[in-house]
Amino acid sequence: MKKSVLLLFVLAAAAALTLAGCGGGGGSSSSTPVDLDGDGVVHALDAFPDDPAASVDTDGDGFPDAFNANATTEQLAATTLTLD
């Protein structure tokens, strides 16, 4: 009985480690960073993840420090953001 329990424990631990290494074992997992607005700045680092015109707000006041250098004329015209 003890050998069966030990074997079951070892198998369960091995399965858990295997699933943890592959992203959860089901569904899709992506290691590609997300950039929702397509401005080239990863969503997690973008102060304005829904606006491609700006991405940096170093003082955290809700106003961008500058517009992105790669922002198009259309993106700049469409933004509701005001510079610091």
N, C-alpha and C. Protein backbone atom coordinates (compact mmCIF):
# COMPACT_ATOMS: atom_id res chain seq x y z
N MET A 1 0.82 -1.19 0.00
CA MET A 1 0.00 0.00 0.00
C MET A 1 0.87 1.26 0.00
N LYS A 2 1.92 1.28 0.84
CA LYS A 2 2.77 2.46 0.91
C LYS A 2 3.49 2.70 -0.42
N LYS A 3 3.89 1.62 -1.10
CA LYS A 3 4.56 1.77 -2.39
C LYS A 3 3.60 2.36 -3.42
N SER A 4 2.35 1.96 -3.37
CA SER A 4 1.35 2.49 -4.30
C SER A 4 1.12 3.98 -4.08
N VAL A 5 1.05 4.39 -2.83
CA VAL A 5 0.84 5.80 -2.51
C VAL A 5 2.06 6.61 -2.93
N LEU A 6 3.24 6.08 -2.65
CA LEU A 6 4.47 6.77 -3.03
C LEU A 6 4.57 6.89 -4.55
N LEU A 7 4.27 5.83 -5.27
CA LEU A 7 4.31 5.86 -6.73
C LEU A 7 3.31 6.87 -7.28
N LEU A 8 2.11 6.88 -6.71
CA LEU A 8 1.09 7.83 -7.14
C LEU A 8 1.55 9.26 -6.89
N PHE A 9 2.17 9.51 -5.74
CA PHE A 9 2.68 10.84 -5.42
C PHE A 9 3.77 11.26 -6.41
N VAL A 10 4.69 10.36 -6.70
CA VAL A 10 5.78 10.65 -7.63
C VAL A 10 5.23 10.95 -9.02
N LEU A 11 4.27 10.15 -9.46
CA LEU A 11 3.67 10.38 -10.78
C LEU A 11 2.92 11.71 -10.83
N ALA A 12 2.21 12.05 -9.76
CA ALA A 12 1.48 13.31 -9.73
C ALA A 12 2.45 14.49 -9.74
N ALA A 13 3.54 14.38 -8.99
CA ALA A 13 4.53 15.45 -8.96
C ALA A 13 5.18 15.61 -10.33
N ALA A 14 5.50 14.51 -10.99
CA ALA A 14 6.12 14.58 -12.31
C ALA A 14 5.16 15.20 -13.32
N ALA A 15 3.89 14.86 -13.23
CA ALA A 15 2.89 15.44 -14.14
C ALA A 15 2.75 16.94 -13.91
N ALA A 16 2.75 17.35 -12.64
CA ALA A 16 2.63 18.78 -12.33
C ALA A 16 3.83 19.56 -12.86
N LEU A 17 5.02 19.01 -12.70
CA LEU A 17 6.21 19.68 -13.21
C LEU A 17 6.20 19.76 -14.73
N THR A 18 5.74 18.72 -15.37
CA THR A 18 5.67 18.70 -16.83
C THR A 18 4.69 19.76 -17.32
N LEU A 19 3.52 19.83 -16.70
CA LEU A 19 2.51 20.82 -17.11
C LEU A 19 2.97 22.23 -16.82
N ALA A 20 3.66 22.43 -15.70
CA ALA A 20 4.16 23.77 -15.38
C ALA A 20 5.18 24.23 -16.41
N GLY A 21 5.95 23.32 -16.93
CA GLY A 21 6.98 23.67 -17.91
C GLY A 21 6.43 23.98 -19.28
N CYS A 22 5.21 23.58 -19.57
CA CYS A 22 4.67 23.82 -20.91
C CYS A 22 3.56 24.86 -20.91
N GLY A 23 3.40 25.58 -19.83
CA GLY A 23 2.42 26.65 -19.82
C GLY A 23 1.05 26.24 -19.33
N GLY A 24 0.91 25.11 -18.68
CA GLY A 24 -0.37 24.76 -18.09
C GLY A 24 -1.00 23.52 -18.67
N GLY A 25 -0.54 23.04 -19.78
CA GLY A 25 -1.04 21.78 -20.30
C GLY A 25 -2.40 21.86 -20.95
N GLY A 26 -2.67 22.77 -21.73
CA GLY A 26 -3.94 22.84 -22.42
C GLY A 26 -4.20 24.27 -22.85
N GLY A 27 -4.95 24.43 -23.85
CA GLY A 27 -5.18 25.78 -24.32
C GLY A 27 -3.93 26.34 -24.97
N SER A 28 -4.01 27.56 -25.38
CA SER A 28 -2.85 28.14 -26.03
C SER A 28 -2.09 29.01 -25.05
N SER A 29 -0.80 28.95 -25.16
CA SER A 29 0.03 29.82 -24.33
C SER A 29 1.00 30.52 -25.25
N SER A 30 1.17 31.79 -25.02
CA SER A 30 2.02 32.56 -25.89
C SER A 30 3.07 33.29 -25.07
N SER A 31 4.29 33.22 -25.54
CA SER A 31 5.33 33.97 -24.85
C SER A 31 5.61 35.28 -25.59
N THR A 32 4.84 35.56 -26.62
CA THR A 32 5.01 36.79 -27.37
C THR A 32 4.39 37.94 -26.59
N PRO A 33 5.15 38.99 -26.31
CA PRO A 33 4.58 40.13 -25.59
C PRO A 33 3.46 40.79 -26.39
N VAL A 34 2.47 41.29 -25.68
CA VAL A 34 1.30 41.90 -26.31
C VAL A 34 1.51 43.40 -26.48
N ASP A 35 1.21 43.89 -27.66
CA ASP A 35 1.25 45.33 -27.97
C ASP A 35 -0.10 45.68 -28.60
N LEU A 36 -1.06 46.02 -27.75
CA LEU A 36 -2.43 46.21 -28.22
C LEU A 36 -2.61 47.34 -29.22
N ASP A 37 -1.87 48.42 -29.07
CA ASP A 37 -2.07 49.55 -29.99
C ASP A 37 -1.10 49.57 -31.16
N GLY A 38 -0.17 48.63 -31.21
CA GLY A 38 0.73 48.50 -32.35
C GLY A 38 1.80 49.57 -32.46
N ASP A 39 2.13 50.22 -31.35
CA ASP A 39 3.14 51.27 -31.41
C ASP A 39 4.56 50.78 -31.18
N GLY A 40 4.71 49.48 -30.98
CA GLY A 40 6.04 48.91 -30.77
C GLY A 40 6.46 48.85 -29.32
N VAL A 41 5.60 49.28 -28.41
CA VAL A 41 5.89 49.21 -26.98
C VAL A 41 4.97 48.16 -26.37
N VAL A 42 5.56 47.20 -25.68
CA VAL A 42 4.81 46.11 -25.06
C VAL A 42 3.76 46.69 -24.11
N HIS A 43 2.57 46.12 -24.16
CA HIS A 43 1.42 46.59 -23.37
C HIS A 43 1.78 46.82 -21.90
N ALA A 44 2.51 45.90 -21.30
CA ALA A 44 2.85 46.00 -19.88
C ALA A 44 3.74 47.21 -19.58
N LEU A 45 4.45 47.72 -20.57
CA LEU A 45 5.35 48.86 -20.37
C LEU A 45 4.82 50.16 -20.96
N ASP A 46 3.66 50.10 -21.60
CA ASP A 46 3.08 51.24 -22.30
C ASP A 46 2.14 52.01 -21.37
N ALA A 47 2.46 53.26 -21.09
CA ALA A 47 1.60 54.08 -20.23
C ALA A 47 0.24 54.35 -20.87
N PHE A 48 0.18 54.26 -22.19
CA PHE A 48 -1.06 54.49 -22.93
C PHE A 48 -1.27 53.33 -23.91
N PRO A 49 -1.62 52.15 -23.38
CA PRO A 49 -1.67 50.94 -24.21
C PRO A 49 -2.75 50.93 -25.29
N ASP A 50 -3.69 51.85 -25.21
CA ASP A 50 -4.76 51.91 -26.22
C ASP A 50 -4.57 53.06 -27.21
N ASP A 51 -3.46 53.77 -27.10
CA ASP A 51 -3.22 54.91 -27.98
C ASP A 51 -1.82 54.79 -28.60
N PRO A 52 -1.74 54.60 -29.91
CA PRO A 52 -0.45 54.42 -30.56
C PRO A 52 0.38 55.70 -30.67
N ALA A 53 -0.18 56.83 -30.32
CA ALA A 53 0.54 58.09 -30.46
C ALA A 53 1.57 58.32 -29.35
N ALA A 54 1.37 57.70 -28.18
CA ALA A 54 2.27 57.93 -27.05
C ALA A 54 2.39 56.67 -26.21
N SER A 55 3.49 56.59 -25.46
CA SER A 55 3.69 55.42 -24.61
C SER A 55 4.44 55.70 -23.32
N VAL A 56 4.97 56.91 -23.14
CA VAL A 56 5.79 57.20 -21.97
C VAL A 56 5.18 58.33 -21.12
N ASP A 57 5.09 58.06 -19.81
CA ASP A 57 4.62 59.05 -18.84
C ASP A 57 5.47 58.87 -17.60
N THR A 58 6.67 59.45 -17.59
CA THR A 58 7.63 59.19 -16.51
C THR A 58 7.18 59.72 -15.16
N ASP A 59 6.40 60.80 -15.12
CA ASP A 59 5.98 61.32 -13.82
C ASP A 59 4.62 60.80 -13.38
N GLY A 60 3.96 59.98 -14.21
CA GLY A 60 2.71 59.32 -13.83
C GLY A 60 1.53 60.26 -13.68
N ASP A 61 1.56 61.40 -14.35
CA ASP A 61 0.46 62.36 -14.22
C ASP A 61 -0.67 62.14 -15.23
N GLY A 62 -0.53 61.13 -16.09
CA GLY A 62 -1.57 60.84 -17.07
C GLY A 62 -1.39 61.57 -18.39
N PHE A 63 -0.34 62.37 -18.48
CA PHE A 63 -0.04 63.08 -19.72
C PHE A 63 1.28 62.53 -20.28
N PRO A 64 1.33 62.26 -21.58
CA PRO A 64 2.58 61.72 -22.16
C PRO A 64 3.69 62.76 -22.15
N ASP A 65 4.92 62.25 -21.99
CA ASP A 65 6.10 63.12 -22.03
C ASP A 65 6.34 63.65 -23.44
N ALA A 66 6.07 62.81 -24.41
CA ALA A 66 6.25 63.17 -25.83
C ALA A 66 5.41 62.18 -26.64
N PHE A 67 5.17 62.53 -27.88
CA PHE A 67 4.52 61.58 -28.77
C PHE A 67 5.57 60.64 -29.33
N ASN A 68 5.16 59.44 -29.66
CA ASN A 68 6.09 58.45 -30.21
C ASN A 68 6.65 58.94 -31.54
N ALA A 69 7.92 58.73 -31.73
CA ALA A 69 8.58 59.15 -32.97
C ALA A 69 7.99 58.46 -34.19
N ASN A 70 7.46 57.25 -34.00
CA ASN A 70 6.90 56.51 -35.13
C ASN A 70 5.39 56.72 -35.29
N ALA A 71 4.81 57.64 -34.53
CA ALA A 71 3.37 57.92 -34.66
C ALA A 71 3.09 58.57 -36.01
N THR A 72 2.06 58.10 -36.67
CA THR A 72 1.70 58.66 -37.97
C THR A 72 0.90 59.95 -37.80
N THR A 73 0.77 60.68 -38.87
CA THR A 73 -0.02 61.91 -38.86
C THR A 73 -1.46 61.61 -38.43
N GLU A 74 -2.00 60.50 -38.92
CA GLU A 74 -3.37 60.11 -38.58
C GLU A 74 -3.49 59.79 -37.09
N GLN A 75 -2.50 59.09 -36.54
CA GLN A 75 -2.54 58.75 -35.11
C GLN A 75 -2.44 60.01 -34.25
N LEU A 76 -1.60 60.94 -34.66
CA LEU A 76 -1.47 62.19 -33.92
C LEU A 76 -2.75 63.02 -33.99
N ALA A 77 -3.42 63.00 -35.13
CA ALA A 77 -4.66 63.73 -35.28
C ALA A 77 -5.80 63.09 -34.47
N ALA A 78 -5.76 61.79 -34.30
CA ALA A 78 -6.83 61.07 -33.63
C ALA A 78 -6.67 61.00 -32.11
N THR A 79 -5.47 61.25 -31.60
CA THR A 79 -5.26 61.10 -30.16
C THR A 79 -5.99 62.16 -29.36
N THR A 80 -6.43 61.80 -28.19
CA THR A 80 -7.05 62.75 -27.27
C THR A 80 -6.06 63.16 -26.18
N LEU A 81 -4.84 62.67 -26.29
CA LEU A 81 -3.82 62.97 -25.29
C LEU A 81 -3.22 64.35 -25.49
N THR A 82 -2.86 64.97 -24.39
CA THR A 82 -2.19 66.28 -24.39
C THR A 82 -0.82 66.09 -23.74
N LEU A 83 0.19 66.65 -24.35
CA LEU A 83 1.54 66.51 -23.80
C LEU A 83 1.68 67.23 -22.48
N ASP A 84 2.64 66.72 -21.68
CA ASP A 84 2.98 67.31 -20.39
C ASP A 84 3.47 68.72 -20.56
